[in-house]
Protein backbone atom coordinates (compact mmCIF):
# COMPACT_ATOMS: atom_id res chain seq x y z
CA UNK A 1 4.47 -61.78 -6.27
CA UNK A 2 0.42 -61.45 -5.22
CA UNK A 3 -2.13 -63.06 -7.93
CA UNK A 4 -5.14 -61.40 -8.64
CA UNK A 5 -8.42 -64.08 -9.05
CA UNK A 6 -12.17 -63.36 -10.55
CA UNK A 7 -14.90 -64.96 -9.15
CA UNK A 8 -18.25 -64.99 -10.39
CA UNK A 9 -21.57 -66.95 -10.25
CA UNK A 10 -21.34 -65.51 -6.20
CA UNK A 11 -24.47 -65.95 -4.69
CA UNK A 12 -25.71 -61.67 -3.71
CA UNK A 13 -24.79 -62.58 -0.53
CA UNK A 14 -21.31 -63.48 -0.14
CA UNK A 15 -19.56 -61.54 2.32
CA UNK A 16 -15.64 -60.78 1.88
CA UNK A 17 -15.41 -63.15 4.62
CA UNK A 18 -17.03 -65.97 2.81
CA UNK A 19 -14.97 -65.73 0.07
CA UNK A 20 -11.68 -65.15 2.23
CA UNK A 21 -12.62 -68.31 4.48
CA UNK A 22 -13.08 -70.39 1.21
CA UNK A 23 -10.63 -69.08 -0.54
CA UNK A 24 -8.23 -69.49 2.52
CA UNK A 25 -8.91 -73.40 1.09
CA UNK A 26 -6.13 -72.59 -0.97
CA UNK A 27 -3.21 -71.24 0.17
CA UNK A 28 -3.11 -67.07 2.13
CA UNK A 29 -5.26 -64.95 1.01
CA UNK A 30 -4.30 -61.30 1.13
CA UNK A 31 -7.39 -60.21 -0.43
CA UNK A 32 -11.62 -60.92 -0.51
CA UNK A 33 -13.90 -58.26 -2.25
CA UNK A 34 -17.11 -59.45 -2.51
CA UNK A 35 -18.39 -56.47 -5.10
CA UNK A 36 -21.96 -54.44 -4.07
CA UNK A 37 -23.93 -52.05 -5.78
CA UNK A 38 -22.77 -48.48 -4.07
CA UNK A 39 -26.48 -47.44 -4.05
CA UNK A 40 -28.21 -50.37 -2.34
CA UNK A 41 -25.20 -51.88 -0.64
CA UNK A 42 -26.61 -55.19 -2.62
CA UNK A 43 -24.30 -57.45 -4.19
CA UNK A 44 -23.63 -58.56 -7.89
CA UNK A 45 -22.65 -61.72 -8.27
CA UNK A 46 -19.16 -61.40 -8.80
CA UNK A 47 -15.54 -60.19 -6.65
CA UNK A 48 -11.72 -60.43 -6.58
CA UNK A 49 -9.64 -62.74 -4.29
CA UNK A 50 -5.81 -62.19 -3.99
CA UNK A 51 -3.73 -64.68 -3.48
CA UNK A 52 -0.19 -64.44 -1.56
CA UNK A 53 1.37 -66.18 -4.89
CA UNK A 54 0.93 -67.73 -8.14
CA UNK A 55 1.24 -70.91 -7.17
CA UNK A 56 -1.41 -70.59 -4.72
CA UNK A 57 -3.38 -68.62 -6.86
CA UNK A 58 -3.05 -71.61 -9.67
CA UNK A 59 -4.47 -74.23 -6.69
CA UNK A 60 -7.31 -71.66 -5.84
CA UNK A 61 -8.36 -71.92 -9.62
CA UNK A 62 -8.16 -75.66 -9.35
CA UNK A 63 -9.45 -76.67 -6.18
CA UNK A 64 -12.47 -73.62 -6.54
CA UNK A 65 -13.52 -73.61 -10.36
CA UNK A 66 -16.79 -75.11 -10.02
CA UNK A 67 -17.21 -75.34 -5.95
CA UNK A 68 -20.31 -74.27 -3.78
CA UNK A 69 -20.08 -71.25 -1.66
CA UNK A 70 -23.34 -70.56 -0.55
CA UNK A 71 -24.96 -72.90 -2.40
CA UNK A 72 -23.39 -71.86 -5.66
CA UNK A 73 -21.14 -72.88 -8.17
CA UNK A 74 -18.40 -70.69 -8.49
CA UNK A 75 -16.54 -69.54 -11.42
CA UNK A 76 -12.64 -68.58 -10.56
CA UNK A 77 -10.55 -67.37 -13.35
CA UNK A 78 -7.03 -65.30 -13.72
CA UNK A 79 -8.51 -61.34 -13.03
CA UNK A 80 -7.80 -59.68 -16.32
CA UNK A 81 -6.79 -56.15 -16.22
CA UNK A 82 -9.48 -53.19 -16.12
CA UNK A 83 -9.94 -51.53 -19.33
CA UNK A 84 -10.15 -48.43 -19.23
CA UNK A 85 -13.91 -47.17 -19.89
CA UNK A 86 -15.02 -43.82 -21.27
CA UNK A 87 -16.54 -42.05 -18.05
CA UNK A 88 -19.39 -41.28 -18.67
CA UNK A 89 -21.49 -40.33 -22.31
CA UNK A 90 -21.83 -36.03 -21.18
CA UNK A 91 -18.68 -35.60 -21.07
CA UNK A 92 -17.03 -36.30 -24.41
CA UNK A 93 -19.55 -34.12 -26.19
CA UNK A 94 -18.24 -30.17 -25.98
CA UNK A 95 -21.02 -28.20 -25.21
């Protein structure tokens, strides 16, 4: 079963390919996504990596947490489930 990791403190210019290459040191990467702003296209400084196994994910956390990627010391943690958020302030009102 694959395990999803949260990667923080990324350089705003980090690409999906750079993220995948960096994490491949720890094992097989299923997917790597540096999150970008949908309007400007600029990176938001975080991303997600999905490793093939839980063991490889733990290895990635141990090996790559506080490692250097694009001159930035990154943070690697197991990703938490996404929380439901209200869609928008106007949708909760009954006009």
